[in-house]
Amino acid sequence: MTALLTPPRTQGPAASAVPTSPGRLARARGWLSRHRTSASWLTPLLVLTAVARLVNMGGSPQRIDDEGTYVAQAWAVETLGELGHYTYWYDHPPLGWIQIAGWTALTDGFGRYSVSVLAGREAMVVAATVSAALLWVLGRRLGLSRPAAATALLLFALSPLVVQYSRTVYLDNVATPWVLAAFVLALSRRHQLVSFAAAALCFAVAVLTKETTLLLLPFLVWQLLRSATPDTRRYTLSVAGALFVLAGVGYLALALLKGELLPGAGRVSLWDGIYFQLVGRDSSGSVLSASTQAGQSLRTWLDLGAPLLLGGTAAAAGGLLVRRLRPYAAAFLVLAAIVLKPGYLPVPYVIALLPLAALLVPAVVEAGLRHARGSAGTLRRTAAGGLAGVLALAVLAGAALTWPSALGRLWTADDDAPLRSAEAWVEGNLTDGQRILVDDAAWLDLVRAGIPREDVVWYYKADTDPAVYDLAPDGWSDYDYALVTEGVRQAAGSSPVMDSARDNGVVVASFGDGGPETVDVVRVMPDGIDAFYAAQDYDERARTAAGRQLLDNPALSFSQDAARALRRGTADARSVLLLAQLSADFDLTVGGFPVAAGESTDELPAHRLLLTGVDGGPLDSAAGRRLAAQVRAQTGSYAPASVEETADGLLVTFPLGAPDYLLPAP
């Protein structure tokens, strides 16, 4: 009874903390309840954004050099603990590919994809989806209705221009969510000290991801000034500015600690990197000329995204009349005007314009319709409503006419097949010690396939990195092959080692239909192309004469294709000599001299030999085993690269390119 009458003991501080948990849960439930409608709009749009980029992610567009570079640098961060797969020279701040490396490390990206760039493209899909979510928040904070904000996301999710560029591995895509986050935070009306500080840090991350983002700084400052509460403006903006500057100083400190802040003999420097980006790059020409790189970039942008870009330009002009949209409209117009200036124009420059265009089109249309409903004058109502309607209909009609076919191609075309096939050919034919110049899009795949790093050389570094050209003192003649993509072809004239290798080589394999996606494998002739053709003239006549003699050998029988190759001199001299040697010990049936997919015998003869029978019987016999052993025992110039027992017969493969003058004069 006494125990029942005893009042309960009060507990210590832990007891007082217990009631806060239901409070937090209640607040969380309240937040979800308030945003339930927005979530029901936003969630399917985010799914659509991701799916539109994931479909056929590895097929279109074809991988390009920049993608290979950023992904290889991310791999170097993750695997080697270094800032690049070659000497880091401050051409860009490293934070962009460090973020990509974070994604690939967390998700085992390189373990899940045999095509390395796809691990980077997956990270781009994540960045695009986050950007879409932030675009929604930005639109809502700027006063857009849910339907208008949803329209902005639809434009961002489904414009072919946005889909193609946002799933390509560009540092601009990694920077975009940080830029949008900075503007979202700059619109905060509460907790402005923390929000503005966070905005400054987000924008600093964006700049240290892609330095061209700095062009948007005046417009972020404009938004911060407009949002700041007057009585705390000086303090909040000072803190934000200090944090932004400190982040930039951190990058300078990195260069200083490495002793690479200023130029010096035999070293890279931050100064040289900045000078290269601002002054040293070759001009892209005028966007008004179809033959220049700038003109070609603009044409590509308009082919894929004319409704969004032209509609965005018109909306930006109208947006200058809407106070809340003015910083974003001005940002779009200034960025668009920079396209017209002479000098270097980066191909992915358009990426900064895309979220602004997607935001401004529905925002200005909605503002025009609201003005039409609320304006007192009939003429003003008609003008505002009419212009808004024209803009909406123009963008809608343009999208309906052009987007389905463009999206269909992005979702079905396999533009990357030629590059994958070329990589497979190189992996199967490059022998130990041979070296190849490549587009950086293929570099990491070949290294991960087991080819030593020093034997796979990004062609750009063959001219610019002392650590690379010191390994090739004789320049182009120290390389055995060159992998030629559209990027390499467009760079002709600016890469002396690759240019000379191509001039002194012959195409031995080609993949594609002859269009821009075609990839060629070039065999480099170390003595020069003139010496090669002189020897080739002799060797072709010698192969033809020796081949016709083999046709009269009673120990050898040939398929029609094999006989035709011998008569034409398109069988490798080593195959001819091997058959002559083996015929002394075996009666052989020769099935042919196979040519792999993509290979050509126009310049070099077929370097494979297929034996389909021995001593009148099958190859899976004692005689067949003795035959295979004798073939494998060949040494020196006659040693095969591989001897395989296939379903078709015994396939003998020699390294491509027999030594000159193996056969006697015809």
Foldseek 3Di string as FASTA:
>chain_A
DVVVPDDDDDDPPVVVCVVVVVVVVVVVVVVCVVCVVVCVLLVVLLVLLLVLQPFCVQFPDAAALVLLFLLQQLCCCQPVVDRGPADDFQLAQSLLSVVLNVQCVVVVLVVVDLQRSQSLLNVLSVLLSLLLVLLLLLLVLLPDDSVLSSQLSCLCRFQLLNSRLSSHRDLLSVLRSLQSQLQSLLSDQPPLLVSLLSSLVSLLSSCNSPVVSVLLVVLSVVSNVVRDDVVCSVVSVVNSVVSNVVSVVVSCVVQVVVVACDDDPPDHHNVVSVCCVPPVDFKQDFLVDCPGNLVVLVVVSCLRHVLLLVLLLVLLVLLCVPVSSNSLSVSLVVLVVVSGDIGHDDSSSCNVNSSSSSSRLSVQLVVLCVCLVPPPDPVSNCVSNVVSVVSVVSSVVVCVVRRPVSSVCSNDGRLNVQVVVVLVVCLVFPDPPAAEEESSSCLVSNVVSPHPNLRYHDQQCCPPPPVNVVVVVVALLSHFKYKDALVNVVCPPPRVRVNQQVQFWDFFFWGDDPDRSIITMTTGDNVGNVVLVVLQVQQQQLQQVLLVVVPVQPLEAEDPQANVCSNRSQADPLVSVVVVVCSVPKRWYWDHLDDDHRGDSPRHHRQKTFTADINPHGLPDPRNVVVQVVQCPDDDLNHFPDWDQDPRGTMTGHRTDGDGPPGDGD
